[in-house]
Protein backbone atom coordinates (compact mmCIF):
# COMPACT_ATOMS: atom_id res chain seq x y z
CA MET A 1 27.82 -23.34 -69.13
CA ALA A 2 31.37 -24.56 -69.58
CA ARG A 3 32.09 -26.52 -72.72
CA ILE A 4 31.76 -30.29 -72.28
CA PRO A 5 34.99 -32.09 -73.23
CA ILE A 6 34.95 -35.12 -75.53
CA ALA A 7 36.47 -38.51 -74.71
CA LEU A 8 36.69 -41.78 -76.60
CA GLN A 9 35.40 -45.07 -75.20
CA LEU A 10 38.38 -47.30 -75.88
CA TYR A 11 36.12 -50.26 -76.66
CA SER A 12 35.81 -48.49 -80.01
CA VAL A 13 39.47 -49.28 -80.73
CA ARG A 14 39.87 -52.38 -78.58
CA GLU A 15 41.92 -54.40 -81.05
CA ASP A 16 44.37 -51.53 -81.41
CA CYS A 17 44.57 -51.25 -77.61
CA GLN A 18 45.24 -54.97 -77.33
CA LYS A 19 48.13 -54.73 -79.79
CA ASP A 20 49.62 -51.45 -78.58
CA LEU A 21 47.94 -49.51 -75.78
CA PRO A 22 50.59 -46.75 -75.55
CA GLY A 23 50.54 -46.17 -79.31
CA THR A 24 46.74 -46.19 -79.42
CA LEU A 25 46.48 -43.66 -76.60
CA GLU A 26 48.96 -41.46 -78.44
CA ALA A 27 46.88 -41.67 -81.62
CA VAL A 28 43.71 -40.82 -79.71
CA ALA A 29 45.36 -37.77 -78.14
CA GLU A 30 46.71 -36.61 -81.50
CA MET A 31 43.18 -36.71 -82.95
CA GLY A 32 42.12 -34.15 -80.38
CA TYR A 33 40.24 -36.28 -77.86
CA GLU A 34 40.64 -34.89 -74.36
CA GLY A 35 39.95 -38.05 -72.42
CA VAL A 36 39.36 -41.78 -72.59
CA ASP A 37 36.76 -44.14 -71.15
CA PHE A 38 38.28 -47.52 -70.36
CA ALA A 39 36.79 -50.97 -71.03
CA GLY A 40 39.73 -53.04 -69.80
CA TYR A 41 43.38 -52.32 -69.04
CA TYR A 42 45.21 -54.79 -71.31
CA GLY A 43 47.48 -56.09 -68.57
CA TYR A 44 48.86 -52.70 -67.50
CA GLU A 45 49.04 -51.54 -63.90
CA ALA A 46 47.29 -48.33 -62.89
CA THR A 47 50.54 -46.42 -62.34
CA ALA A 48 51.78 -47.25 -65.84
CA ILE A 49 48.48 -46.18 -67.42
CA ARG A 50 48.42 -42.96 -65.42
CA SER A 51 51.95 -42.15 -66.60
CA MET A 52 50.93 -42.68 -70.25
CA LEU A 53 47.86 -40.47 -69.82
CA ASP A 54 49.76 -37.69 -68.07
CA ASP A 55 52.43 -37.68 -70.78
CA LEU A 56 49.71 -37.25 -73.43
CA GLY A 57 47.54 -34.78 -71.54
CA LEU A 58 44.59 -37.19 -71.46
CA LYS A 59 42.07 -37.40 -68.62
CA VAL A 60 39.97 -40.41 -67.59
CA ALA A 61 36.29 -39.90 -68.38
CA GLY A 62 35.28 -43.21 -66.81
CA CYS A 63 35.68 -46.94 -66.99
CA HIS A 64 33.33 -49.77 -67.77
CA THR A 65 33.71 -52.25 -64.97
CA GLY A 66 31.83 -55.44 -64.14
CA LEU A 67 29.31 -55.45 -61.33
CA ASP A 68 31.42 -58.05 -59.54
CA THR A 69 34.31 -55.56 -59.24
CA LEU A 70 32.06 -53.16 -57.31
CA THR A 71 30.71 -55.52 -54.67
CA GLY A 72 32.14 -57.27 -51.63
CA ASP A 73 35.87 -57.23 -51.02
CA ALA A 74 36.61 -56.50 -54.70
CA LEU A 75 35.41 -52.91 -54.34
CA ALA A 76 38.42 -51.74 -52.35
CA GLU A 77 40.83 -52.91 -55.06
CA THR A 78 38.70 -51.27 -57.76
CA VAL A 79 38.64 -47.99 -55.85
CA ALA A 80 42.41 -48.06 -55.33
CA PHE A 81 43.06 -48.72 -59.04
CA ASN A 82 40.77 -45.92 -60.15
CA ARG A 83 42.09 -43.47 -57.59
CA ILE A 84 45.51 -43.83 -59.23
CA LEU A 85 43.94 -43.26 -62.66
CA GLY A 86 42.13 -40.17 -61.42
CA ASN A 87 38.77 -41.70 -62.37
CA LYS A 88 35.54 -41.12 -60.43
CA TYR A 89 33.05 -42.77 -62.82
CA LEU A 90 32.73 -46.54 -62.27
CA VAL A 91 30.09 -47.53 -64.80
CA VAL A 92 28.62 -51.00 -65.21
CA PRO A 93 28.10 -51.91 -68.88
CA TRP A 94 25.93 -55.00 -68.33
CA ILE A 95 24.15 -56.86 -65.54
CA PRO A 96 23.15 -60.52 -65.33
CA GLU A 97 19.73 -61.53 -66.60
CA SER A 98 18.68 -62.28 -63.02
CA TYR A 99 18.68 -58.51 -62.46
CA ARG A 100 16.74 -57.63 -65.61
CA ASP A 101 14.27 -60.42 -66.40
CA SER A 102 11.34 -58.75 -64.63
CA ALA A 103 10.26 -55.46 -63.10
CA GLU A 104 11.03 -56.86 -59.65
CA ALA A 105 14.51 -57.89 -60.82
CA TRP A 106 15.22 -54.30 -61.86
CA ARG A 107 14.10 -53.10 -58.43
CA ARG A 108 16.63 -55.50 -56.88
CA ALA A 109 19.26 -54.14 -59.24
CA ALA A 110 18.43 -50.63 -58.07
CA GLU A 111 19.06 -51.69 -54.46
CA VAL A 112 22.46 -53.07 -55.44
CA PHE A 113 23.43 -49.87 -57.26
CA ASN A 114 22.30 -47.71 -54.35
CA SER A 115 24.42 -49.82 -52.00
CA ILE A 116 27.48 -49.44 -54.24
CA ALA A 117 26.90 -45.70 -54.55
CA ALA A 118 26.78 -45.35 -50.77
CA ARG A 119 30.13 -47.15 -50.42
CA LEU A 120 31.71 -45.05 -53.18
CA ALA A 121 30.49 -41.65 -51.94
CA PRO A 122 33.20 -41.26 -49.25
CA GLU A 123 35.78 -41.93 -51.99
CA GLY A 124 34.42 -39.11 -54.19
CA MET A 125 33.33 -41.67 -56.78
CA VAL A 126 30.04 -42.66 -58.38
CA THR A 127 28.73 -45.78 -60.01
CA GLY A 128 26.44 -45.91 -63.02
CA TYR A 129 24.81 -48.03 -65.68
CA HIS A 130 25.25 -48.00 -69.46
CA ASN A 131 22.33 -49.16 -71.56
CA HIS A 132 22.12 -51.50 -74.48
CA HIS A 133 18.73 -51.84 -76.22
CA VAL A 134 16.95 -54.36 -73.98
CA GLU A 135 16.47 -51.88 -71.13
CA PHE A 136 13.70 -50.13 -73.07
CA THR A 137 11.28 -53.06 -73.40
CA PRO A 138 8.24 -52.26 -71.23
CA TYR A 139 6.99 -54.64 -68.56
CA GLU A 140 3.36 -55.25 -67.63
CA THR A 141 3.40 -52.05 -65.57
CA GLY A 142 4.29 -50.04 -68.69
CA GLN A 143 7.63 -49.12 -67.17
CA THR A 144 10.91 -50.07 -68.79
CA GLY A 145 13.93 -51.46 -66.97
CA TRP A 146 15.62 -48.09 -67.48
CA ASP A 147 12.70 -46.32 -65.79
CA ILE A 148 12.64 -48.71 -62.88
CA LEU A 149 16.38 -48.43 -62.30
CA PHE A 150 16.59 -44.66 -62.37
CA SER A 151 13.34 -43.96 -60.54
CA ASN A 152 14.60 -46.16 -57.69
CA THR A 153 18.21 -44.96 -57.44
CA GLY A 154 19.76 -41.79 -56.12
CA PRO A 155 22.07 -39.25 -57.74
CA GLY A 156 25.13 -41.36 -56.90
CA VAL A 157 24.04 -43.71 -59.70
CA VAL A 158 24.91 -42.16 -63.05
CA MET A 159 22.59 -42.58 -66.03
CA GLN A 160 25.13 -43.18 -68.78
CA ILE A 161 22.73 -43.12 -71.68
CA ASP A 162 24.04 -44.54 -74.94
CA LEU A 163 22.19 -42.67 -77.68
CA GLY A 164 22.57 -45.26 -80.42
CA ASN A 165 21.64 -48.19 -78.22
CA ALA A 166 18.58 -46.35 -76.91
CA LEU A 167 17.37 -45.62 -80.45
CA HIS A 168 18.01 -49.25 -81.38
CA GLY A 169 15.71 -50.19 -78.50
CA GLY A 170 12.96 -47.92 -79.82
CA ALA A 171 13.48 -45.26 -77.15
CA ASP A 172 13.85 -41.52 -77.46
CA PRO A 173 17.07 -40.64 -75.60
CA VAL A 174 16.13 -36.95 -75.45
CA ALA A 175 12.94 -37.84 -73.57
CA TYR A 176 14.93 -39.88 -71.05
CA LEU A 177 17.44 -37.08 -70.57
CA LYS A 178 14.54 -34.75 -69.79
CA ARG A 179 12.83 -37.28 -67.53
CA TYR A 180 15.89 -37.74 -65.31
CA PRO A 181 17.57 -34.31 -65.24
CA GLY A 182 21.02 -34.13 -63.75
CA ARG A 183 21.59 -37.89 -63.84
CA ALA A 184 23.59 -38.12 -67.10
CA LEU A 185 27.03 -37.09 -65.83
CA THR A 186 28.54 -38.79 -68.86
CA VAL A 187 26.77 -39.34 -72.19
CA HIS A 188 27.78 -41.90 -74.80
CA LEU A 189 27.59 -40.39 -78.27
CA LYS A 190 26.91 -43.31 -80.57
CA ALA A 191 25.52 -43.13 -84.09
CA TYR A 192 22.35 -44.94 -85.08
CA SER A 193 20.90 -45.27 -88.55
CA ALA A 194 18.00 -47.48 -89.55
CA ALA A 195 19.41 -47.63 -93.08
CA ASN A 196 23.15 -47.95 -92.45
CA ASP A 197 24.54 -50.11 -89.67
CA LYS A 198 28.01 -48.64 -90.21
CA ALA A 199 26.98 -45.00 -89.97
CA LEU A 200 29.33 -42.64 -88.20
CA ILE A 201 28.31 -39.65 -86.11
CA GLY A 202 26.80 -37.09 -88.45
CA GLU A 203 25.70 -39.72 -90.98
CA ASP A 204 22.88 -41.07 -88.83
CA ASP A 205 19.35 -40.59 -87.47
CA VAL A 206 20.32 -39.04 -84.12
CA ASP A 207 18.82 -35.60 -83.51
CA TRP A 208 22.14 -34.18 -82.38
CA ALA A 209 20.88 -30.63 -81.95
CA ALA A 210 18.14 -31.80 -79.58
CA VAL A 211 20.59 -33.97 -77.62
CA PHE A 212 23.08 -31.15 -77.18
CA ASP A 213 20.32 -28.70 -76.25
CA VAL A 214 18.89 -30.79 -73.43
CA VAL A 215 22.27 -31.99 -72.12
CA GLU A 216 23.82 -28.55 -72.08
CA SER A 217 20.75 -26.82 -70.66
CA GLN A 218 20.86 -29.15 -67.65
CA GLY A 219 24.48 -28.27 -66.96
CA SER A 220 25.30 -31.52 -65.16
CA THR A 221 27.20 -33.50 -67.82
CA ASP A 222 30.96 -33.69 -67.32
CA TRP A 223 31.88 -35.66 -70.46
CA TYR A 224 30.67 -36.50 -73.92
CA ILE A 225 32.07 -39.94 -74.81
CA VAL A 226 32.24 -41.19 -78.39
CA GLU A 227 31.62 -44.89 -78.87
CA GLN A 228 31.76 -46.34 -82.38
CA GLU A 229 31.27 -50.09 -82.67
CA SER A 230 30.87 -50.46 -86.43
CA TYR A 231 33.65 -49.59 -88.83
CA PRO A 232 33.25 -48.21 -92.33
CA TYR A 233 36.97 -47.40 -91.98
CA PRO A 234 39.62 -48.86 -89.66
CA PRO A 235 38.62 -48.26 -86.02
CA LEU A 236 41.04 -45.39 -85.33
CA GLU A 237 40.04 -43.62 -88.54
CA SER A 238 36.36 -44.11 -87.70
CA ALA A 239 36.99 -42.57 -84.28
CA ARG A 240 38.81 -39.64 -85.87
CA ARG A 241 35.95 -38.96 -88.27
CA CYS A 242 33.43 -39.04 -85.42
CA LEU A 243 35.39 -36.36 -83.58
CA GLN A 244 35.68 -34.28 -86.74
CA ALA A 245 31.89 -34.45 -87.18
CA LEU A 246 31.32 -33.28 -83.63
CA LYS A 247 33.73 -30.40 -84.10
CA ALA A 248 31.85 -29.45 -87.25
CA MET A 249 28.71 -29.28 -85.09
CA GLY A 250 30.47 -26.81 -82.82
CA LYS A 251 31.47 -29.27 -80.13
């Protein structure tokens, strides 16, 4: 299969982005990242951001966008903004507790995501959901929220599994990747270590070889996305070291 490019989730360097988005994007490109995953736009219009990205040779690997931006009349504006960016992955990073406080709530959430996916399909875009750790707590049925969501949604709903968050929740991300083949169009590469809460990629408990094997054997993932939320070094340096570690693994 074709090599999977590596992007950086800009939440990893959010304070730098807030101070100087153009300079931060330049630094990210100079490190060797091929794309970025947005978590906010820091007051910039889509055309200005697209110009910055084009000048640096960066692609958009997705954006984290609130559920409210994907429903009702707000969806059209969200689609227009992301069309300018060249982004097709509109991923929700969190949903209200009313959609996750029971098995039935997760089934309602699945209906909402399917509805959004149907509206996005004519635009060539997909929606998705990014896990934290709470999605892997089983309900009385034995199913987790993650299971309920992805067993009740179609392929237009991306399973953006966050490796570190899944491990934090006691889940095996490799097992979930195998259980829902073809659904992880983008994968968040986040370190997790039971002994070191500031571990970087390559210093952690993630079975990286197993992750890469299952992801790349499925052939459906478009982007690997680094997300580093703890900082043994300044955020940009931490992001650089994560990319170096992945390159050392042959990525």
